[in-house]
Amino acid sequence: MTIVQLRKNGAQTKAGGCDIVEMAKRNVKLATGFQAAYDAGKFTYDRQRQFSKDSEKLNMLATSDPKAACDEIDVLRARYGL
């Protein structure tokens, strides 16, 4: 689903909150940030595999607990220096 579709279905981010729309935005930023760093040579292939493994949890949390997914994104951003 796109962010526009999510909003049409009633998903809204409250100030300071983290719903599925906000989580999706943060997840895209995390993934593109990692990819840019990988492309720039900051990470090895093994580190990319570890990032993929670490990110799997986000898929499970995305719809069940977006706030927990946002918290996990923050953890991953710190872990990988993004």
PDB file of N, CA and C in Angstrom:
ATOM      1  N   MET A   1       0.833  -1.187   0.000  1.00  0.00           N
ATOM      2  CA  MET A   1       0.000   0.000   0.000  1.00  0.00           C
ATOM      3  C   MET A   1       0.876   1.249   0.000  1.00  0.00           C
ATOM      4  N   THR A   2       0.413   2.244  -0.707  1.00  0.00           N
ATOM      5  CA  THR A   2       1.123   3.518  -0.680  1.00  0.00           C
ATOM      6  C   THR A   2       0.683   4.312   0.538  1.00  0.00           C
ATOM      7  N   ILE A   3       1.433   5.347   0.879  1.00  0.00           N
ATOM      8  CA  ILE A   3       1.069   6.208   2.003  1.00  0.00           C
ATOM      9  C   ILE A   3      -0.274   6.871   1.739  1.00  0.00           C
ATOM     10  N   VAL A   4      -0.522   7.283   0.513  1.00  0.00           N
ATOM     11  CA  VAL A   4      -1.808   7.899   0.159  1.00  0.00           C
ATOM     12  C   VAL A   4      -2.950   6.916   0.417  1.00  0.00           C
ATOM     13  N   GLN A   5      -2.766   5.660   0.024  1.00  0.00           N
ATOM     14  CA  GLN A   5      -3.800   4.655   0.253  1.00  0.00           C
ATOM     15  C   GLN A   5      -4.023   4.418   1.745  1.00  0.00           C
ATOM     16  N   LEU A   6      -2.940   4.376   2.503  1.00  0.00           N
ATOM     17  CA  LEU A   6      -3.069   4.194   3.950  1.00  0.00           C
ATOM     18  C   LEU A   6      -3.870   5.334   4.570  1.00  0.00           C
ATOM     19  N   ARG A   7      -3.583   6.552   4.151  1.00  0.00           N
ATOM     20  CA  ARG A   7      -4.312   7.699   4.697  1.00  0.00           C
ATOM     21  C   ARG A   7      -5.778   7.656   4.308  1.00  0.00           C
ATOM     22  N   LYS A   8      -6.080   7.226   3.090  1.00  0.00           N
ATOM     23  CA  LYS A   8      -7.476   7.107   2.655  1.00  0.00           C
ATOM     24  C   LYS A   8      -8.220   6.086   3.504  1.00  0.00           C
ATOM     25  N   ASN A   9      -7.482   5.094   3.995  1.00  0.00           N
ATOM     26  CA  ASN A   9      -8.094   4.071   4.845  1.00  0.00           C
ATOM     27  C   ASN A   9      -8.133   4.477   6.310  1.00  0.00           C
ATOM     28  N   GLY A  10      -7.776   5.715   6.600  1.00  0.00           N
ATOM     29  CA  GLY A  10      -7.915   6.226   7.956  1.00  0.00           C
ATOM     30  C   GLY A  10      -6.657   6.278   8.785  1.00  0.00           C
ATOM     31  N   ALA A  11      -5.540   5.897   8.250  1.00  0.00           N
ATOM     32  CA  ALA A  11      -4.291   5.945   9.014  1.00  0.00           C
ATOM     33  C   ALA A  11      -3.810   7.389   9.093  1.00  0.00           C
ATOM     34  N   GLN A  12      -3.606   7.878  10.280  1.00  0.00           N
ATOM     35  CA  GLN A  12      -3.109   9.236  10.503  1.00  0.00           C
ATOM     36  C   GLN A  12      -2.059   9.215  11.598  1.00  0.00           C
ATOM     37  N   THR A  13      -1.061  10.039  11.440  1.00  0.00           N
ATOM     38  CA  THR A  13      -0.026  10.147  12.467  1.00  0.00           C
ATOM     39  C   THR A  13      -0.385  11.266  13.422  1.00  0.00           C
ATOM     40  N   LYS A  14      -0.445  10.949  14.691  1.00  0.00           N
ATOM     41  CA  LYS A  14      -0.670  11.963  15.711  1.00  0.00           C
ATOM     42  C   LYS A  14       0.664  12.623  16.025  1.00  0.00           C
ATOM     43  N   ALA A  15       0.597  13.851  16.487  1.00  0.00           N
ATOM     44  CA  ALA A  15       1.830  14.564  16.839  1.00  0.00           C
ATOM     45  C   ALA A  15       2.645  13.722  17.817  1.00  0.00           C
ATOM     46  N   GLY A  16       3.887  13.472  17.460  1.00  0.00           N
ATOM     47  CA  GLY A  16       4.762  12.690  18.324  1.00  0.00           C
ATOM     48  C   GLY A  16       4.503  11.199  18.288  1.00  0.00           C
ATOM     49  N   GLY A  17       3.530  10.775  17.491  1.00  0.00           N
ATOM     50  CA  GLY A  17       3.187   9.363  17.441  1.00  0.00           C
ATOM     51  C   GLY A  17       3.855   8.660  16.287  1.00  0.00           C
ATOM     52  N   CYS A  18       3.625   7.383  16.215  1.00  0.00           N
ATOM     53  CA  CYS A  18       4.196   6.607  15.127  1.00  0.00           C
ATOM     54  C   CYS A  18       3.193   5.538  14.723  1.00  0.00           C
ATOM     55  N   ASP A  19       2.408   5.848  13.696  1.00  0.00           N
ATOM     56  CA  ASP A  19       1.475   4.869  13.166  1.00  0.00           C
ATOM     57  C   ASP A  19       2.116   4.173  11.978  1.00  0.00           C
ATOM     58  N   ILE A  20       1.342   3.403  11.251  1.00  0.00           N
ATOM     59  CA  ILE A  20       1.897   2.638  10.140  1.00  0.00           C
ATOM     60  C   ILE A  20       2.446   3.538   9.034  1.00  0.00           C
ATOM     61  N   VAL A  21       1.838   4.698   8.832  1.00  0.00           N
ATOM     62  CA  VAL A  21       2.315   5.630   7.804  1.00  0.00           C
ATOM     63  C   VAL A  21       3.691   6.179   8.191  1.00  0.00           C
ATOM     64  N   GLU A  22       3.816   6.635   9.413  1.00  0.00           N
ATOM     65  CA  GLU A  22       5.101   7.168   9.882  1.00  0.00           C
ATOM     66  C   GLU A  22       6.157   6.074   9.888  1.00  0.00           C
ATOM     67  N   MET A  23       5.771   4.869  10.316  1.00  0.00           N
ATOM     68  CA  MET A  23       6.705   3.757  10.331  1.00  0.00           C
ATOM     69  C   MET A  23       7.195   3.465   8.917  1.00  0.00           C
ATOM     70  N   ALA A  24       6.294   3.508   7.941  1.00  0.00           N
ATOM     71  CA  ALA A  24       6.684   3.247   6.552  1.00  0.00           C
ATOM     72  C   ALA A  24       7.684   4.290   6.058  1.00  0.00           C
ATOM     73  N   LYS A  25       7.449   5.550   6.390  1.00  0.00           N
ATOM     74  CA  LYS A  25       8.376   6.616   5.999  1.00  0.00           C
ATOM     75  C   LYS A  25       9.761   6.380   6.599  1.00  0.00           C
ATOM     76  N   ARG A  26       9.770   6.049   7.895  1.00  0.00           N
ATOM     77  CA  ARG A  26      11.050   5.823   8.573  1.00  0.00           C
ATOM     78  C   ARG A  26      11.765   4.592   8.037  1.00  0.00           C
ATOM     79  N   ASN A  27      10.990   3.571   7.690  1.00  0.00           N
ATOM     80  CA  ASN A  27      11.576   2.349   7.161  1.00  0.00           C
ATOM     81  C   ASN A  27      12.223   2.596   5.797  1.00  0.00           C
ATOM     82  N   VAL A  28      11.552   3.372   4.956  1.00  0.00           N
ATOM     83  CA  VAL A  28      12.123   3.714   3.652  1.00  0.00           C
ATOM     84  C   VAL A  28      13.407   4.521   3.834  1.00  0.00           C
ATOM     85  N   LYS A  29      13.379   5.470   4.756  1.00  0.00           N
ATOM     86  CA  LYS A  29      14.574   6.284   5.014  1.00  0.00           C
ATOM     87  C   LYS A  29      15.726   5.417   5.527  1.00  0.00           C
ATOM     88  N   LEU A  30      15.422   4.473   6.393  1.00  0.00           N
ATOM     89  CA  LEU A  30      16.438   3.555   6.908  1.00  0.00           C
ATOM     90  C   LEU A  30      17.036   2.732   5.771  1.00  0.00           C
ATOM     91  N   ALA A  31      16.182   2.138   4.958  1.00  0.00           N
ATOM     92  CA  ALA A  31      16.656   1.273   3.873  1.00  0.00           C
ATOM     93  C   ALA A  31      17.457   2.044   2.832  1.00  0.00           C
ATOM     94  N   THR A  32      16.977   3.217   2.447  1.00  0.00           N
ATOM     95  CA  THR A  32      17.711   3.999   1.444  1.00  0.00           C
ATOM     96  C   THR A  32      19.014   4.542   2.016  1.00  0.00           C
ATOM     97  N   GLY A  33      19.001   4.880   3.292  1.00  0.00           N
ATOM     98  CA  GLY A  33      20.232   5.334   3.944  1.00  0.00           C
ATOM     99  C   GLY A  33      21.273   4.233   4.004  1.00  0.00           C
ATOM    100  N   PHE A  34      20.825   3.029   4.340  1.00  0.00           N
ATOM    101  CA  PHE A  34      21.763   1.909   4.371  1.00  0.00           C
ATOM    102  C   PHE A  34      22.296   1.626   2.978  1.00  0.00           C
ATOM    103  N   GLN A  35      21.414   1.610   1.986  1.00  0.00           N
ATOM    104  CA  GLN A  35      21.841   1.319   0.620  1.00  0.00           C
ATOM    105  C   GLN A  35      22.850   2.343   0.121  1.00  0.00           C
ATOM    106  N   ALA A  36      22.620   3.604   0.426  1.00  0.00           N
ATOM    107  CA  ALA A  36      23.569   4.656   0.018  1.00  0.00           C
ATOM    108  C   ALA A  36      24.922   4.448   0.680  1.00  0.00           C
ATOM    109  N   ALA A  37      24.914   4.094   1.967  1.00  0.00           N
ATOM    110  CA  ALA A  37      26.169   3.846   2.681  1.00  0.00           C
ATOM    111  C   ALA A  37      26.870   2.609   2.121  1.00  0.00           C
ATOM    112  N   TYR A  38      26.098   1.588   1.802  1.00  0.00           N
ATOM    113  CA  TYR A  38      26.673   0.367   1.219  1.00  0.00           C
ATOM    114  C   TYR A  38      27.291   0.680  -0.142  1.00  0.00           C
ATOM    115  N   ASP A  39      26.557   1.424  -0.961  1.00  0.00           N
ATOM    116  CA  ASP A  39      27.062   1.798  -2.292  1.00  0.00           C
ATOM    117  C   ASP A  39      28.336   2.634  -2.201  1.00  0.00           C
ATOM    118  N   ALA A  40      28.458   3.408  -1.128  1.00  0.00           N
ATOM    119  CA  ALA A  40      29.642   4.252  -0.933  1.00  0.00           C
ATOM    120  C   ALA A  40      30.817   3.472  -0.339  1.00  0.00           C
ATOM    121  N   GLY A  41      30.597   2.179  -0.061  1.00  0.00           N
ATOM    122  CA  GLY A  41      31.676   1.345   0.457  1.00  0.00           C
ATOM    123  C   GLY A  41      31.812   1.352   1.970  1.00  0.00           C
ATOM    124  N   LYS A  42      30.837   1.906   2.661  1.00  0.00           N
ATOM    125  CA  LYS A  42      30.912   1.968   4.121  1.00  0.00           C
ATOM    126  C   LYS A  42      30.702   0.597   4.763  1.00  0.00           C
ATOM    127  N   PHE A  43      29.926  -0.264   4.093  1.00  0.00           N
ATOM    128  CA  PHE A  43      29.611  -1.578   4.652  1.00  0.00           C
ATOM    129  C   PHE A  43      30.045  -2.691   3.710  1.00  0.00           C
ATOM    130  N   THR A  44      30.405  -3.830   4.298  1.00  0.00           N
ATOM    131  CA  THR A  44      30.748  -5.024   3.528  1.00  0.00           C
ATOM    132  C   THR A  44      29.474  -5.790   3.185  1.00  0.00           C
ATOM    133  N   TYR A  45      29.626  -6.764   2.310  1.00  0.00           N
ATOM    134  CA  TYR A  45      28.500  -7.621   1.955  1.00  0.00           C
ATOM    135  C   TYR A  45      27.968  -8.351   3.188  1.00  0.00           C
ATOM    136  N   ASP A  46      28.865  -8.816   4.052  1.00  0.00           N
ATOM    137  CA  ASP A  46      28.428  -9.500   5.274  1.00  0.00           C
ATOM    138  C   ASP A  46      27.610  -8.572   6.163  1.00  0.00           C
ATOM    139  N   ARG A  47      28.016  -7.313   6.220  1.00  0.00           N
ATOM    140  CA  ARG A  47      27.272  -6.334   7.028  1.00  0.00           C
ATOM    141  C   ARG A  47      25.896  -6.085   6.406  1.00  0.00           C
ATOM    142  N   GLN A  48      25.813  -6.117   5.074  1.00  0.00           N
ATOM    143  CA  GLN A  48      24.525  -5.952   4.404  1.00  0.00           C
ATOM    144  C   GLN A  48      23.612  -7.139   4.718  1.00  0.00           C
ATOM    145  N   ARG A  49      24.163  -8.316   4.720  1.00  0.00           N
ATOM    146  CA  ARG A  49      23.366  -9.503   5.069  1.00  0.00           C
ATOM    147  C   ARG A  49      22.870  -9.402   6.504  1.00  0.00           C
ATOM    148  N   GLN A  50      23.720  -8.924   7.410  1.00  0.00           N
ATOM    149  CA  GLN A  50      23.314  -8.773   8.802  1.00  0.00           C
ATOM    150  C   GLN A  50      22.209  -7.724   8.926  1.00  0.00           C
ATOM    151  N   PHE A  51      22.334  -6.634   8.189  1.00  0.00           N
ATOM    152  CA  PHE A  51      21.298  -5.599   8.196  1.00  0.00           C
ATOM    153  C   PHE A  51      19.961  -6.176   7.727  1.00  0.00           C
ATOM    154  N   SER A  52      19.986  -6.966   6.681  1.00  0.00           N
ATOM    155  CA  SER A  52      18.755  -7.593   6.184  1.00  0.00           C
ATOM    156  C   SER A  52      18.139  -8.496   7.248  1.00  0.00           C
ATOM    157  N   LYS A  53      18.980  -9.258   7.906  1.00  0.00           N
ATOM    158  CA  LYS A  53      18.495 -10.148   8.972  1.00  0.00           C
ATOM    159  C   LYS A  53      17.930  -9.328  10.136  1.00  0.00           C
ATOM    160  N   ASP A  54      18.640  -8.272  10.528  1.00  0.00           N
ATOM    161  CA  ASP A  54      18.178  -7.419  11.628  1.00  0.00           C
ATOM    162  C   ASP A  54      16.867  -6.718  11.282  1.00  0.00           C
ATOM    163  N   SER A  55      16.659  -6.436  10.008  1.00  0.00           N
ATOM    164  CA  SER A  55      15.468  -5.707   9.565  1.00  0.00           C
ATOM    165  C   SER A  55      14.221  -6.580   9.457  1.00  0.00           C
ATOM    166  N   GLU A  56      14.382  -7.885   9.472  1.00  0.00           N
ATOM    167  CA  GLU A  56      13.241  -8.792   9.333  1.00  0.00           C
ATOM    168  C   GLU A  56      12.168  -8.537  10.381  1.00  0.00           C
ATOM    169  N   LYS A  57      12.579  -8.191  11.566  1.00  0.00           N
ATOM    170  CA  LYS A  57      11.645  -7.948  12.664  1.00  0.00           C
ATOM    171  C   LYS A  57      10.676  -6.813  12.323  1.00  0.00           C
ATOM    172  N   LEU A  58      11.138  -5.856  11.527  1.00  0.00           N
ATOM    173  CA  LEU A  58      10.292  -4.727  11.164  1.00  0.00           C
ATOM    174  C   LEU A  58       9.041  -5.174  10.416  1.00  0.00           C
ATOM    175  N   ASN A  59       9.179  -6.158   9.543  1.00  0.00           N
ATOM    176  CA  ASN A  59       8.037  -6.646   8.776  1.00  0.00           C
ATOM    177  C   ASN A  59       6.967  -7.238   9.680  1.00  0.00           C
ATOM    178  N   MET A  60       7.384  -7.920  10.709  1.00  0.00           N
ATOM    179  CA  MET A  60       6.428  -8.519  11.632  1.00  0.00           C
ATOM    180  C   MET A  60       5.728  -7.459  12.478  1.00  0.00           C
ATOM    181  N   LEU A  61       6.462  -6.429  12.856  1.00  0.00           N
ATOM    182  CA  LEU A  61       5.906  -5.391  13.720  1.00  0.00           C
ATOM    183  C   LEU A  61       5.101  -4.332  12.961  1.00  0.00           C
ATOM    184  N   ALA A  62       5.323  -4.211  11.673  1.00  0.00           N
ATOM    185  CA  ALA A  62       4.757  -3.111  10.884  1.00  0.00           C
ATOM    186  C   ALA A  62       3.256  -2.938  11.090  1.00  0.00           C
ATOM    187  N   THR A  63       2.509  -3.991  10.988  1.00  0.00           N
ATOM    188  CA  THR A  63       1.059  -3.862  11.126  1.00  0.00           C
ATOM    189  C   THR A  63       0.564  -4.165  12.534  1.00  0.00           C
ATOM    190  N   SER A  64       1.279  -4.983  13.272  1.00  0.00           N
ATOM    191  CA  SER A  64       0.813  -5.343  14.606  1.00  0.00           C
ATOM    192  C   SER A  64       1.145  -4.286  15.658  1.00  0.00           C
ATOM    193  N   ASP A  65       2.291  -3.626  15.504  1.00  0.00           N
ATOM    194  CA  ASP A  65       2.714  -2.644  16.499  1.00  0.00           C
ATOM    195  C   ASP A  65       3.654  -1.615  15.863  1.00  0.00           C
ATOM    196  N   PRO A  66       3.086  -0.662  15.107  1.00  0.00           N
ATOM    197  CA  PRO A  66       3.925   0.323  14.414  1.00  0.00           C
ATOM    198  C   PRO A  66       4.856   1.102  15.339  1.00  0.00           C
ATOM    199  N   LYS A  67       4.423   1.393  16.553  1.00  0.00           N
ATOM    200  CA  LYS A  67       5.269   2.127  17.507  1.00  0.00           C
ATOM    201  C   LYS A  67       6.512   1.312  17.836  1.00  0.00           C
ATOM    202  N   ALA A  68       6.336   0.016  18.067  1.00  0.00           N
ATOM    203  CA  ALA A  68       7.482  -0.853  18.342  1.00  0.00           C
ATOM    204  C   ALA A  68       8.387  -0.932  17.116  1.00  0.00           C
ATOM    205  N   ALA A  69       7.793  -0.933  15.920  1.00  0.00           N
ATOM    206  CA  ALA A  69       8.594  -0.938  14.689  1.00  0.00           C
ATOM    207  C   ALA A  69       9.415   0.337  14.589  1.00  0.00           C
ATOM    208  N   CYS A  70       8.815   1.475  14.925  1.00  0.00           N
ATOM    209  CA  CYS A  70       9.553   2.742  14.901  1.00  0.00           C
ATOM    210  C   CYS A  70      10.707   2.715  15.900  1.00  0.00           C
ATOM    211  N   ASP A  71      10.449   2.159  17.064  1.00  0.00           N
ATOM    212  CA  ASP A  71      11.517   2.037  18.064  1.00  0.00           C
ATOM    213  C   ASP A  71      12.647   1.150  17.538  1.00  0.00           C
ATOM    214  N   GLU A  72      12.301   0.070  16.864  1.00  0.00           N
ATOM    215  CA  GLU A  72      13.306  -0.835  16.302  1.00  0.00           C
ATOM    216  C   GLU A  72      14.093  -0.142  15.193  1.00  0.00           C
ATOM    217  N   ILE A  73      13.423   0.681  14.408  1.00  0.00           N
ATOM    218  CA  ILE A  73      14.112   1.450  13.364  1.00  0.00           C
ATOM    219  C   ILE A  73      15.152   2.364  14.000  1.00  0.00           C
ATOM    220  N   ASP A  74      14.784   3.006  15.102  1.00  0.00           N
ATOM    221  CA  ASP A  74      15.735   3.873  15.812  1.00  0.00           C
ATOM    222  C   ASP A  74      16.948   3.081  16.300  1.00  0.00           C
ATOM    223  N   VAL A  75      16.706   1.867  16.780  1.00  0.00           N
ATOM    224  CA  VAL A  75      17.797   1.003  17.242  1.00  0.00           C
ATOM    225  C   VAL A  75      18.718   0.661  16.072  1.00  0.00           C
ATOM    226  N   LEU A  76      18.131   0.305  14.938  1.00  0.00           N
ATOM    227  CA  LEU A  76      18.928  -0.047  13.774  1.00  0.00           C
ATOM    228  C   LEU A  76      19.693   1.150  13.225  1.00  0.00           C
ATOM    229  N   ARG A  77      19.078   2.312  13.227  1.00  0.00           N
ATOM    230  CA  ARG A  77      19.772   3.518  12.772  1.00  0.00           C
ATOM    231  C   ARG A  77      21.017   3.768  13.615  1.00  0.00           C
ATOM    232  N   ALA A  78      20.877   3.608  14.922  1.00  0.00           N
ATOM    233  CA  ALA A  78      22.022   3.801  15.821  1.00  0.00           C
ATOM    234  C   ALA A  78      23.067   2.710  15.618  1.00  0.00           C
ATOM    235  N   ARG A  79      22.634   1.471  15.508  1.00  0.00           N
ATOM    236  CA  ARG A  79      23.551   0.344  15.349  1.00  0.00           C
ATOM    237  C   ARG A  79      24.414   0.489  14.075  1.00  0.00           C
ATOM    238  N   TYR A  80      23.804   0.989  13.022  1.00  0.00           N
ATOM    239  CA  TYR A  80      24.507   1.090  11.736  1.00  0.00           C
ATOM    240  C   TYR A  80      24.987   2.512  11.428  1.00  0.00           C
ATOM    241  N   GLY A  81      24.828   3.407  12.376  1.00  0.00           N
ATOM    242  CA  GLY A  81      25.317   4.770  12.184  1.00  0.00           C
ATOM    243  C   GLY A  81      24.614   5.528  11.074  1.00  0.00           C
ATOM    244  N   LEU A  82      23.327   5.322  10.986  1.00  0.00           N
ATOM    245  CA  LEU A  82      22.554   5.972   9.933  1.00  0.00           C
ATOM    246  C   LEU A  82      21.762   7.086  10.566  1.00  0.00           C
TER     247      LEU A  82
END
